[in-house]
Amino acid sequence: MAKKLTLSIDEHVIEAAKDYANSQGISLSNLIENFLKGRTGVLGQKEKPPEKSVSNTPLVDKIRQIQKRKKSPEQIKMFEKELYKRKPHMKEYATYLEEKYR
């Protein structure tokens, strides 16, 4: 059952959100509801996802695409080796993140 909710949001953010929702062919209410469902895990297996899903950012979309593709450990090692060769600082950062999130 839908209920009303009052939020205080900067007017520029509201206008941008309305424009985005309109470009996606959904209402602002649906945009916000879908966003909150995705963030809170309410969107369960029994409930079908909305026809037009809300995208986070292009970076998040790219990460999701990469996650969907299965890579062998050898492919991952080759990718890491090439990445670290091009950008040596990334290895340091990757090690930092691995330690931080263990």
Protein backbone atom coordinates (compact mmCIF):
# COMPACT_ATOMS: atom_id res chain seq x y z
CA MET A 1 0.00 0.00 0.00
CA ALA A 2 1.41 3.38 -0.99
CA LYS A 3 1.73 6.15 1.60
CA LYS A 4 2.65 9.79 1.21
CA LEU A 5 6.02 11.06 2.39
CA THR A 6 7.25 14.64 2.65
CA LEU A 7 10.92 15.30 2.00
CA SER A 8 13.00 18.47 2.01
CA ILE A 9 15.31 18.48 -1.01
CA ASP A 10 17.16 21.30 -2.74
CA GLU A 11 15.04 22.70 -5.56
CA HIS A 12 17.81 22.21 -8.14
CA VAL A 13 18.05 18.54 -7.21
CA ILE A 14 14.27 18.19 -7.50
CA GLU A 15 14.26 19.75 -10.98
CA ALA A 16 17.13 17.56 -12.14
CA ALA A 17 15.40 14.48 -10.71
CA LYS A 18 12.14 15.39 -12.47
CA ASP A 19 13.98 15.82 -15.76
CA TYR A 20 15.75 12.48 -15.30
CA ALA A 21 12.52 10.66 -14.36
CA ASN A 22 10.79 12.19 -17.38
CA SER A 23 13.62 11.08 -19.68
CA GLN A 24 13.25 7.54 -18.30
CA GLY A 25 9.49 7.59 -18.78
CA ILE A 26 8.68 7.16 -15.08
CA SER A 27 7.29 9.40 -12.37
CA LEU A 28 9.46 11.07 -9.76
CA SER A 29 7.71 8.96 -7.10
CA ASN A 30 8.60 5.76 -8.96
CA LEU A 31 12.17 6.96 -9.43
CA ILE A 32 12.61 7.55 -5.70
CA GLU A 33 10.75 4.37 -4.72
CA ASN A 34 12.89 2.22 -7.05
CA PHE A 35 16.05 3.86 -5.74
CA LEU A 36 15.06 3.19 -2.13
CA LYS A 37 14.05 -0.39 -2.90
CA GLY A 38 17.43 -1.04 -4.44
CA ARG A 39 19.30 0.54 -1.55
CA THR A 40 17.33 -1.13 1.23
CA GLY A 41 17.01 -4.59 -0.30
CA VAL A 42 13.20 -4.41 -0.25
CA LEU A 43 13.10 -5.40 -3.91
CA GLY A 44 12.72 -9.11 -3.22
CA GLN A 45 12.57 -12.24 -5.33
CA LYS A 46 8.77 -12.38 -5.21
CA GLU A 47 8.43 -8.85 -6.54
CA LYS A 48 9.31 -8.20 -10.17
CA PRO A 49 11.84 -5.44 -10.79
CA PRO A 50 10.47 -2.28 -12.38
CA GLU A 51 10.42 -2.26 -16.17
CA LYS A 52 12.59 0.82 -16.30
CA SER A 53 15.24 0.53 -13.62
CA VAL A 54 17.08 3.49 -12.21
CA SER A 55 20.76 3.57 -13.02
CA ASN A 56 23.22 4.68 -10.35
CA THR A 57 26.07 6.12 -12.37
CA PRO A 58 27.88 5.13 -15.56
CA LEU A 59 30.74 3.77 -13.42
CA VAL A 60 28.41 1.56 -11.36
CA ASP A 61 26.75 0.33 -14.55
CA LYS A 62 30.15 -0.57 -16.01
CA ILE A 63 31.14 -2.44 -12.84
CA ARG A 64 27.88 -4.39 -12.94
CA GLN A 65 28.51 -5.34 -16.58
CA ILE A 66 31.99 -6.56 -15.69
CA GLN A 67 30.68 -8.53 -12.71
CA LYS A 68 28.18 -10.34 -14.94
CA ARG A 69 30.96 -11.61 -17.21
CA LYS A 70 32.71 -14.68 -15.82
CA LYS A 71 36.48 -14.43 -15.86
CA SER A 72 38.92 -17.20 -15.14
CA PRO A 73 41.60 -16.63 -12.50
CA GLU A 74 44.18 -16.56 -15.31
CA GLN A 75 42.28 -13.78 -17.11
CA ILE A 76 42.06 -11.80 -13.89
CA LYS A 77 45.81 -12.18 -13.25
CA MET A 78 46.58 -11.06 -16.82
CA PHE A 79 44.32 -8.03 -16.40
CA GLU A 80 45.95 -7.11 -13.08
CA LYS A 81 49.45 -7.52 -14.51
CA GLU A 82 48.63 -5.25 -17.45
CA LEU A 83 46.92 -2.69 -15.20
CA TYR A 84 49.83 -2.57 -12.75
CA LYS A 85 52.28 -2.25 -15.63
CA ARG A 86 50.42 0.80 -16.95
CA LYS A 87 49.58 2.29 -13.56
CA PRO A 88 51.98 1.07 -10.85
CA HIS A 89 50.24 3.09 -8.13
CA MET A 90 47.12 0.95 -8.58
CA LYS A 91 48.82 -2.09 -7.04
CA GLU A 92 49.52 -0.11 -3.89
CA TYR A 93 45.94 1.09 -3.79
CA ALA A 94 44.55 -2.41 -4.42
CA THR A 95 46.66 -3.77 -1.55
CA TYR A 96 45.41 -0.98 0.69
CA LEU A 97 41.77 -1.76 -0.16
CA GLU A 98 42.26 -5.51 0.36
CA GLU A 99 43.67 -4.87 3.83
CA LYS A 100 41.00 -2.33 4.68
CA TYR A 101 38.06 -4.56 3.75
CA ARG A 102 39.23 -7.93 5.08
